[in-house]
Amino acid sequence: REPRGWPPQALCDADSGRGGTWNQDGVILLARSTLEGLSRVDAGGGTPTPLTKLTVNETSHRWPFFLPDGKHFLYFSHATGNEESAIYLASLEGKERKLLLHNASNATYAPPGYLLFVRDGTLLACAEMLRGGVTCFNDMYFYPEAALEAALEAGMRAALGLIVIEFP
């Protein structure tokens, strides 16, 4: 069934996309694959232009998210080791980037100025569990390090492990 509104439109190739964001000026940032930096493409489509470059220890830049000004954005830098993976702030106008924090997952922005990421969500879940009388939990998700930090900070016991996924 066709979605309401205009029909879908191909903007550019993205072999194994890992997120995108669209600003008010019609600029789209996207992660076209799991092995490269972010690219920029016009909302009308066209040939993507590379925007960020990987460093030696990085494997990809993913999950871009425009901030309200439409010029600055957040993105997740996936590195060869989770301890090196990080969330960065960058701009459409510059090559400079600013490290915000080391983390094993992406982040998003929420007004009036909050940076939200998996570790905070896990902390909130721990608070809810403690409120309900739960003092120990089992978790098998993509970010066991974040769950471990949150459990330790909340003073909870946890059995943590990696998720098991089989790809075709």
N, C-alpha and C. Protein backbone atom coordinates (compact mmCIF):
# COMPACT_ATOMS: atom_id res chain seq x y z
N ARG A 1 0.84 -1.18 0.00
CA ARG A 1 0.00 0.00 0.00
C ARG A 1 0.88 1.24 0.00
N GLU A 2 0.54 2.18 -0.83
CA GLU A 2 1.30 3.43 -0.96
C GLU A 2 1.08 4.32 0.27
N PRO A 3 2.17 4.90 0.84
CA PRO A 3 1.97 5.80 1.98
C PRO A 3 1.20 7.05 1.52
N ARG A 4 0.53 7.70 2.47
CA ARG A 4 -0.20 8.92 2.14
C ARG A 4 0.81 10.01 1.77
N GLY A 5 0.39 10.91 0.92
CA GLY A 5 1.29 11.96 0.48
C GLY A 5 1.97 11.56 -0.80
N TRP A 6 3.15 12.05 -1.00
CA TRP A 6 3.87 11.79 -2.23
C TRP A 6 4.44 10.39 -2.23
N PRO A 7 4.62 9.81 -3.41
CA PRO A 7 5.22 8.47 -3.46
C PRO A 7 6.69 8.53 -3.05
N PRO A 8 7.25 7.42 -2.57
CA PRO A 8 8.67 7.40 -2.20
C PRO A 8 9.54 7.77 -3.40
N GLN A 9 10.68 8.39 -3.10
CA GLN A 9 11.61 8.82 -4.15
C GLN A 9 13.01 8.37 -3.78
N ALA A 10 13.71 7.74 -4.72
CA ALA A 10 15.10 7.36 -4.49
C ALA A 10 15.96 8.62 -4.54
N LEU A 11 16.77 8.84 -3.50
CA LEU A 11 17.62 10.02 -3.44
C LEU A 11 19.06 9.71 -3.83
N CYS A 12 19.56 8.53 -3.40
CA CYS A 12 20.91 8.11 -3.73
C CYS A 12 21.07 6.66 -3.28
N ASP A 13 22.16 6.05 -3.68
CA ASP A 13 22.44 4.67 -3.25
C ASP A 13 22.94 4.66 -1.81
N ALA A 14 22.49 3.66 -1.07
CA ALA A 14 22.97 3.43 0.30
C ALA A 14 22.91 1.92 0.51
N ASP A 15 24.05 1.26 0.25
CA ASP A 15 24.10 -0.21 0.27
C ASP A 15 23.64 -0.82 1.58
N SER A 16 24.12 -0.32 2.67
CA SER A 16 23.71 -0.82 4.00
C SER A 16 23.66 0.37 4.95
N GLY A 17 22.69 1.23 4.71
CA GLY A 17 22.57 2.48 5.43
C GLY A 17 22.51 2.32 6.95
N ARG A 18 23.07 3.32 7.63
CA ARG A 18 23.08 3.33 9.09
C ARG A 18 22.65 4.72 9.59
N GLY A 19 21.47 5.15 9.14
CA GLY A 19 20.88 6.38 9.65
C GLY A 19 21.04 7.56 8.73
N GLY A 20 20.13 8.51 8.91
CA GLY A 20 20.16 9.74 8.15
C GLY A 20 19.41 10.83 8.90
N THR A 21 19.64 12.08 8.52
CA THR A 21 18.97 13.22 9.14
C THR A 21 18.79 14.29 8.08
N TRP A 22 17.71 15.08 8.19
CA TRP A 22 17.32 16.04 7.18
C TRP A 22 17.11 17.39 7.86
N ASN A 23 17.78 18.44 7.37
CA ASN A 23 17.60 19.75 8.00
C ASN A 23 16.56 20.59 7.26
N GLN A 24 16.26 21.76 7.79
CA GLN A 24 15.23 22.63 7.24
C GLN A 24 15.64 23.27 5.92
N ASP A 25 16.92 23.18 5.55
CA ASP A 25 17.39 23.74 4.29
C ASP A 25 17.46 22.70 3.17
N GLY A 26 16.96 21.51 3.42
CA GLY A 26 16.94 20.47 2.40
C GLY A 26 18.25 19.72 2.25
N VAL A 27 19.07 19.71 3.29
CA VAL A 27 20.31 18.94 3.29
C VAL A 27 20.07 17.64 4.04
N ILE A 28 20.47 16.54 3.45
CA ILE A 28 20.36 15.23 4.10
C ILE A 28 21.76 14.71 4.36
N LEU A 29 22.01 14.30 5.59
CA LEU A 29 23.25 13.60 5.95
C LEU A 29 22.88 12.14 6.11
N LEU A 30 23.73 11.25 5.62
CA LEU A 30 23.45 9.84 5.76
C LEU A 30 24.71 9.01 5.86
N ALA A 31 24.56 7.88 6.51
CA ALA A 31 25.61 6.86 6.56
C ALA A 31 25.22 5.83 5.50
N ARG A 32 25.93 5.83 4.38
CA ARG A 32 25.57 4.98 3.25
C ARG A 32 25.98 3.53 3.43
N SER A 33 26.97 3.29 4.29
CA SER A 33 27.41 1.91 4.51
C SER A 33 28.05 1.80 5.89
N THR A 34 28.43 0.60 6.23
CA THR A 34 29.06 0.36 7.53
C THR A 34 30.58 0.51 7.48
N LEU A 35 31.10 1.00 6.36
CA LEU A 35 32.55 1.08 6.20
C LEU A 35 33.05 2.43 5.72
N GLU A 36 32.30 3.50 5.97
CA GLU A 36 32.75 4.82 5.51
C GLU A 36 32.19 5.92 6.39
N GLY A 37 32.63 7.15 6.12
CA GLY A 37 32.14 8.32 6.84
C GLY A 37 30.77 8.73 6.35
N LEU A 38 30.29 9.85 6.87
CA LEU A 38 28.98 10.37 6.48
C LEU A 38 29.06 11.07 5.14
N SER A 39 27.93 11.07 4.42
CA SER A 39 27.82 11.76 3.15
C SER A 39 26.69 12.78 3.22
N ARG A 40 26.73 13.71 2.29
CA ARG A 40 25.73 14.77 2.21
C ARG A 40 25.07 14.68 0.84
N VAL A 41 23.74 14.83 0.81
CA VAL A 41 23.03 14.83 -0.46
C VAL A 41 21.87 15.82 -0.36
N ASP A 42 21.50 16.42 -1.48
CA ASP A 42 20.39 17.35 -1.52
C ASP A 42 19.08 16.57 -1.37
N ALA A 43 18.08 17.20 -0.76
CA ALA A 43 16.79 16.55 -0.55
C ALA A 43 16.12 16.15 -1.86
N GLY A 44 16.51 16.76 -2.96
CA GLY A 44 15.98 16.38 -4.26
C GLY A 44 16.68 15.18 -4.86
N GLY A 45 17.73 14.70 -4.19
CA GLY A 45 18.49 13.56 -4.69
C GLY A 45 19.75 14.00 -5.41
N GLY A 46 20.51 13.03 -5.85
CA GLY A 46 21.75 13.33 -6.57
C GLY A 46 22.90 12.47 -6.10
N THR A 47 24.08 12.92 -6.45
CA THR A 47 25.29 12.20 -6.07
C THR A 47 25.73 12.64 -4.68
N PRO A 48 25.88 11.70 -3.74
CA PRO A 48 26.31 12.06 -2.38
C PRO A 48 27.74 12.58 -2.38
N THR A 49 28.00 13.55 -1.51
CA THR A 49 29.33 14.12 -1.33
C THR A 49 29.85 13.69 0.04
N PRO A 50 31.06 13.11 0.11
CA PRO A 50 31.61 12.74 1.43
C PRO A 50 31.72 13.97 2.33
N LEU A 51 31.35 13.80 3.60
CA LEU A 51 31.38 14.91 4.55
C LEU A 51 32.37 14.68 5.68
N THR A 52 32.41 13.47 6.24
CA THR A 52 33.36 13.16 7.31
C THR A 52 34.34 12.10 6.82
N LYS A 53 35.55 12.14 7.40
CA LYS A 53 36.58 11.16 7.05
C LYS A 53 36.90 10.29 8.25
N LEU A 54 37.09 9.01 8.01
CA LEU A 54 37.46 8.08 9.08
C LEU A 54 38.92 8.28 9.47
N THR A 55 39.19 8.09 10.76
CA THR A 55 40.58 8.07 11.23
C THR A 55 41.03 6.61 11.24
N VAL A 56 42.26 6.37 11.61
CA VAL A 56 42.85 5.03 11.57
C VAL A 56 42.04 4.00 12.37
N ASN A 57 41.56 4.36 13.56
CA ASN A 57 40.86 3.39 14.41
C ASN A 57 39.36 3.33 14.18
N GLU A 58 38.83 4.16 13.29
CA GLU A 58 37.38 4.18 13.05
C GLU A 58 37.01 3.25 11.90
N THR A 59 35.86 2.58 12.04
CA THR A 59 35.37 1.72 10.97
C THR A 59 34.21 2.35 10.22
N SER A 60 33.45 3.23 10.88
CA SER A 60 32.37 3.95 10.20
C SER A 60 31.85 5.09 11.06
N HIS A 61 31.17 6.03 10.40
CA HIS A 61 30.42 7.08 11.08
C HIS A 61 28.95 6.77 10.80
N ARG A 62 28.12 6.80 11.85
CA ARG A 62 26.74 6.36 11.72
C ARG A 62 25.79 7.30 12.47
N TRP A 63 24.50 7.10 12.22
CA TRP A 63 23.40 7.71 12.96
C TRP A 63 23.55 9.22 13.14
N PRO A 64 23.69 9.99 12.06
CA PRO A 64 23.77 11.44 12.20
C PRO A 64 22.44 12.00 12.71
N PHE A 65 22.51 13.15 13.38
CA PHE A 65 21.31 13.79 13.92
C PHE A 65 21.53 15.30 13.92
N PHE A 66 20.74 16.03 13.09
CA PHE A 66 20.86 17.49 13.04
C PHE A 66 20.38 18.11 14.33
N LEU A 67 21.11 19.14 14.78
CA LEU A 67 20.66 19.95 15.90
C LEU A 67 19.70 21.02 15.35
N PRO A 68 18.96 21.71 16.22
CA PRO A 68 17.94 22.65 15.74
C PRO A 68 18.43 23.74 14.79
N ASP A 69 19.70 24.14 14.87
CA ASP A 69 20.19 25.20 13.97
C ASP A 69 20.35 24.72 12.53
N GLY A 70 20.29 23.41 12.29
CA GLY A 70 20.40 22.86 10.95
C GLY A 70 21.80 22.88 10.37
N LYS A 71 22.77 23.37 11.12
CA LYS A 71 24.16 23.43 10.65
C LYS A 71 25.07 22.47 11.40
N HIS A 72 24.76 22.24 12.66
CA HIS A 72 25.54 21.32 13.50
C HIS A 72 24.81 19.99 13.62
N PHE A 73 25.59 18.93 13.80
CA PHE A 73 24.99 17.61 13.92
C PHE A 73 25.82 16.72 14.83
N LEU A 74 25.15 15.73 15.37
CA LEU A 74 25.78 14.69 16.18
C LEU A 74 25.99 13.48 15.28
N TYR A 75 26.99 12.68 15.59
CA TYR A 75 27.10 11.38 14.93
C TYR A 75 27.88 10.42 15.82
N PHE A 76 27.69 9.15 15.54
CA PHE A 76 28.36 8.08 16.26
C PHE A 76 29.53 7.59 15.43
N SER A 77 30.70 7.53 16.05
CA SER A 77 31.89 7.00 15.41
C SER A 77 32.13 5.59 15.92
N HIS A 78 31.93 4.62 15.04
CA HIS A 78 32.16 3.22 15.42
C HIS A 78 33.64 2.92 15.21
N ALA A 79 34.29 2.44 16.26
CA ALA A 79 35.73 2.20 16.21
C ALA A 79 36.04 0.72 16.31
N THR A 80 37.31 0.39 16.13
CA THR A 80 37.72 -1.01 16.18
C THR A 80 37.50 -1.61 17.56
N GLY A 81 37.50 -0.80 18.60
CA GLY A 81 37.19 -1.26 19.95
C GLY A 81 36.11 -0.40 20.56
N ASN A 82 35.18 -0.99 21.31
CA ASN A 82 34.09 -0.20 21.90
C ASN A 82 34.59 0.94 22.77
N GLU A 83 35.73 0.77 23.42
CA GLU A 83 36.24 1.83 24.28
C GLU A 83 36.67 3.05 23.48
N GLU A 84 36.89 2.89 22.18
CA GLU A 84 37.27 4.01 21.31
C GLU A 84 36.08 4.59 20.55
N SER A 85 34.94 3.88 20.54
CA SER A 85 33.75 4.40 19.87
C SER A 85 33.27 5.64 20.62
N ALA A 86 32.68 6.60 19.89
CA ALA A 86 32.37 7.87 20.53
C ALA A 86 31.25 8.61 19.81
N ILE A 87 30.73 9.61 20.49
CA ILE A 87 29.75 10.52 19.94
C ILE A 87 30.44 11.86 19.70
N TYR A 88 30.30 12.40 18.48
CA TYR A 88 30.94 13.65 18.10
C TYR A 88 29.92 14.70 17.70
N LEU A 89 30.33 15.96 17.82
CA LEU A 89 29.60 17.11 17.32
C LEU A 89 30.39 17.66 16.15
N ALA A 90 29.71 17.93 15.04
CA ALA A 90 30.39 18.48 13.86
C ALA A 90 29.48 19.51 13.20
N SER A 91 30.01 20.15 12.17
CA SER A 91 29.29 21.21 11.46
C SER A 91 29.36 20.97 9.96
N LEU A 92 28.33 21.41 9.24
CA LEU A 92 28.35 21.34 7.78
C LEU A 92 29.44 22.24 7.20
N GLU A 93 29.83 23.26 7.94
CA GLU A 93 30.76 24.27 7.42
C GLU A 93 32.22 24.01 7.71
N GLY A 94 32.52 23.03 8.54
CA GLY A 94 33.92 22.84 8.90
C GLY A 94 34.36 21.40 8.94
N LYS A 95 35.64 21.23 8.96
CA LYS A 95 36.23 19.89 9.03
C LYS A 95 36.49 19.48 10.48
N GLU A 96 36.39 20.44 11.40
CA GLU A 96 36.64 20.17 12.81
C GLU A 96 35.47 19.39 13.41
N ARG A 97 35.80 18.53 14.35
CA ARG A 97 34.77 17.83 15.10
C ARG A 97 35.14 17.89 16.57
N LYS A 98 34.14 17.77 17.43
CA LYS A 98 34.39 17.83 18.86
C LYS A 98 33.91 16.54 19.51
N LEU A 99 34.81 15.88 20.23
CA LEU A 99 34.45 14.68 20.97
C LEU A 99 33.54 15.07 22.13
N LEU A 100 32.35 14.48 22.19
CA LEU A 100 31.44 14.74 23.31
C LEU A 100 31.61 13.70 24.41
N LEU A 101 31.65 12.42 24.03
CA LEU A 101 31.88 11.37 25.00
C LEU A 101 32.15 10.05 24.30
N HIS A 102 32.87 9.20 25.01
CA HIS A 102 33.07 7.83 24.52
C HIS A 102 31.84 7.04 24.91
N ASN A 103 31.28 6.31 23.96
CA ASN A 103 30.07 5.54 24.21
C ASN A 103 29.96 4.46 23.14
N ALA A 104 29.24 3.39 23.45
CA ALA A 104 29.11 2.28 22.53
C ALA A 104 27.87 2.38 21.65
N SER A 105 27.15 3.51 21.70
CA SER A 105 25.97 3.66 20.87
C SER A 105 25.80 5.12 20.45
N ASN A 106 24.84 5.36 19.56
CA ASN A 106 24.59 6.70 19.07
C ASN A 106 23.85 7.55 20.10
N ALA A 107 23.68 8.83 19.77
CA ALA A 107 22.97 9.77 20.65
C ALA A 107 21.97 10.56 19.82
N THR A 108 21.04 11.17 20.51
CA THR A 108 20.08 12.08 19.88
C THR A 108 19.93 13.30 20.78
N TYR A 109 19.37 14.35 20.23
CA TYR A 109 19.19 15.60 20.96
C TYR A 109 17.71 15.77 21.31
N ALA A 110 17.44 16.30 22.50
CA ALA A 110 16.07 16.62 22.91
C ALA A 110 16.08 18.01 23.54
N PRO A 111 15.16 18.88 23.10
CA PRO A 111 15.10 20.23 23.68
C PRO A 111 14.80 20.16 25.18
N PRO A 112 15.30 21.10 25.97
CA PRO A 112 15.97 22.32 25.56
C PRO A 112 17.48 22.21 25.49
N GLY A 113 18.05 21.03 25.47
CA GLY A 113 19.51 20.91 25.38
C GLY A 113 20.03 19.60 25.94
N TYR A 114 19.25 18.54 25.83
CA TYR A 114 19.65 17.24 26.39
C TYR A 114 20.26 16.34 25.33
N LEU A 115 21.30 15.63 25.70
CA LEU A 115 21.91 14.61 24.86
C LEU A 115 21.47 13.27 25.42
N LEU A 116 20.74 12.49 24.62
CA LEU A 116 20.21 11.21 25.08
C LEU A 116 20.96 10.08 24.39
N PHE A 117 21.35 9.07 25.19
CA PHE A 117 22.05 7.92 24.63
C PHE A 117 21.76 6.70 25.49
N VAL A 118 22.16 5.51 25.03
CA VAL A 118 21.77 4.24 25.66
C VAL A 118 22.06 4.18 27.15
N ARG A 119 23.21 4.66 27.58
CA ARG A 119 23.55 4.56 29.00
C ARG A 119 22.50 5.24 29.87
N ASP A 120 22.01 6.42 29.44
CA ASP A 120 20.98 7.12 30.20
C ASP A 120 19.68 6.32 30.23
N GLY A 121 19.32 5.71 29.11
CA GLY A 121 18.11 4.90 29.07
C GLY A 121 18.22 3.71 30.01
N THR A 122 19.41 3.12 30.10
CA THR A 122 19.62 2.00 31.01
C THR A 122 19.56 2.47 32.46
N LEU A 123 20.10 3.65 32.74
CA LEU A 123 19.99 4.19 34.09
C LEU A 123 18.53 4.41 34.48
N LEU A 124 17.73 4.91 33.56
CA LEU A 124 16.31 5.12 33.83
C LEU A 124 15.63 3.78 34.08
N ALA A 125 15.96 2.77 33.29
CA ALA A 125 15.38 1.44 33.49
C ALA A 125 15.77 0.89 34.86
N CYS A 126 17.02 1.11 35.27
CA CYS A 126 17.46 0.65 36.61
C CYS A 126 16.64 1.35 37.70
N ALA A 127 16.43 2.64 37.56
CA ALA A 127 15.64 3.38 38.55
C ALA A 127 14.23 2.84 38.63
N GLU A 128 13.63 2.54 37.48
CA GLU A 128 12.27 1.99 37.47
C GLU A 128 12.24 0.60 38.12
N MET A 129 13.25 -0.23 37.83
CA MET A 129 13.30 -1.56 38.44
C MET A 129 13.44 -1.46 39.95
N LEU A 130 14.34 -0.60 40.42
CA LEU A 130 14.53 -0.43 41.87
C LEU A 130 13.26 0.07 42.53
N ARG A 131 12.58 0.97 41.86
CA ARG A 131 11.31 1.50 42.39
C ARG A 131 10.28 0.38 42.56
N GLY A 132 10.33 -0.61 41.67
CA GLY A 132 9.40 -1.74 41.73
C GLY A 132 9.91 -2.89 42.59
N GLY A 133 11.07 -2.72 43.23
CA GLY A 133 11.58 -3.76 44.11
C GLY A 133 12.53 -4.75 43.47
N VAL A 134 12.86 -4.56 42.20
CA VAL A 134 13.77 -5.47 41.49
C VAL A 134 15.21 -5.03 41.79
N THR A 135 16.05 -5.95 42.22
CA THR A 135 17.44 -5.61 42.54
C THR A 135 18.45 -6.33 41.66
N CYS A 136 17.98 -7.24 40.80
CA CYS A 136 18.88 -7.99 39.91
C CYS A 136 18.16 -8.17 38.58
N PHE A 137 18.91 -8.07 37.48
CA PHE A 137 18.28 -8.26 36.17
C PHE A 137 19.24 -8.94 35.20
N ASN A 138 18.67 -9.48 34.13
CA ASN A 138 19.42 -10.11 33.05
C ASN A 138 19.22 -9.26 31.80
N ASP A 139 20.30 -8.98 31.08
CA ASP A 139 20.18 -8.16 29.87
C ASP A 139 21.09 -8.72 28.80
N MET A 140 20.56 -8.90 27.61
CA MET A 140 21.35 -9.34 26.45
C MET A 140 21.00 -8.42 25.29
N TYR A 141 21.71 -7.29 25.21
CA TYR A 141 21.46 -6.32 24.16
C TYR A 141 22.80 -5.98 23.52
N PHE A 142 22.80 -5.04 22.60
CA PHE A 142 24.01 -4.70 21.86
C PHE A 142 25.08 -3.99 22.68
N TYR A 143 24.73 -3.40 23.80
CA TYR A 143 25.66 -2.56 24.54
C TYR A 143 25.82 -3.01 25.98
N PRO A 144 26.43 -4.17 26.22
CA PRO A 144 26.56 -4.65 27.59
C PRO A 144 27.42 -3.73 28.47
N GLU A 145 28.38 -3.02 27.86
CA GLU A 145 29.21 -2.11 28.66
C GLU A 145 28.38 -0.99 29.26
N ALA A 146 27.44 -0.45 28.48
CA ALA A 146 26.57 0.62 28.98
C ALA A 146 25.67 0.10 30.08
N ALA A 147 25.14 -1.11 29.92
CA ALA A 147 24.29 -1.70 30.96
C ALA A 147 25.10 -1.96 32.22
N LEU A 148 26.35 -2.39 32.08
CA LEU A 148 27.21 -2.64 33.24
C LEU A 148 27.45 -1.34 34.01
N GLU A 149 27.81 -0.27 33.31
CA GLU A 149 28.05 1.01 33.97
C GLU A 149 26.81 1.49 34.71
N ALA A 150 25.65 1.35 34.08
CA ALA A 150 24.40 1.80 34.71
C ALA A 150 24.07 0.96 35.93
N ALA A 151 24.24 -0.36 35.83
CA ALA A 151 23.95 -1.25 36.97
C ALA A 151 24.88 -0.94 38.13
N LEU A 152 26.15 -0.73 37.86
CA LEU A 152 27.10 -0.39 38.92
C LEU A 152 26.73 0.94 39.58
N GLU A 153 26.39 1.93 38.76
CA GLU A 153 26.04 3.23 39.30
C GLU A 153 24.76 3.17 40.14
N ALA A 154 23.83 2.30 39.75
CA ALA A 154 22.56 2.16 40.49
C ALA A 154 22.69 1.21 41.68
N GLY A 155 23.83 0.52 41.78
CA GLY A 155 24.01 -0.43 42.88
C GLY A 155 23.22 -1.71 42.70
N MET A 156 23.01 -2.12 41.46
CA MET A 156 22.23 -3.32 41.16
C MET A 156 23.14 -4.47 40.73
N ARG A 157 22.61 -5.68 40.86
CA ARG A 157 23.28 -6.87 40.34
C ARG A 157 22.71 -7.15 38.95
N ALA A 158 23.57 -7.62 38.04
CA ALA A 158 23.10 -7.88 36.69
C ALA A 158 23.88 -9.01 36.06
N ALA A 159 23.19 -9.81 35.25
CA ALA A 159 23.83 -10.83 34.41
C ALA A 159 23.74 -10.29 32.99
N LEU A 160 24.89 -9.96 32.41
CA LEU A 160 24.92 -9.29 31.11
C LEU A 160 25.63 -10.14 30.08
N GLY A 161 25.19 -10.07 28.85
CA GLY A 161 25.83 -10.81 27.78
C GLY A 161 25.50 -10.18 26.44
N LEU A 162 26.18 -10.65 25.42
CA LEU A 162 25.93 -10.17 24.07
C LEU A 162 24.72 -10.87 23.48
N ILE A 163 24.01 -10.15 22.63
CA ILE A 163 22.87 -10.73 21.93
C ILE A 163 23.39 -11.69 20.87
N VAL A 164 22.64 -12.73 20.60
CA VAL A 164 23.01 -13.69 19.57
C VAL A 164 22.12 -13.43 18.35
N ILE A 165 22.75 -13.11 17.23
CA ILE A 165 22.02 -12.81 16.01
C ILE A 165 22.59 -13.65 14.89
N GLU A 166 21.71 -14.21 14.10
CA GLU A 166 22.16 -14.96 12.93
C GLU A 166 21.69 -14.23 11.69
N PHE A 167 22.65 -13.81 10.86
CA PHE A 167 22.31 -13.15 9.62
C PHE A 167 22.29 -14.17 8.50
N PRO A 168 21.40 -13.98 7.54
CA PRO A 168 21.35 -14.94 6.42
C PRO A 168 22.61 -14.92 5.59
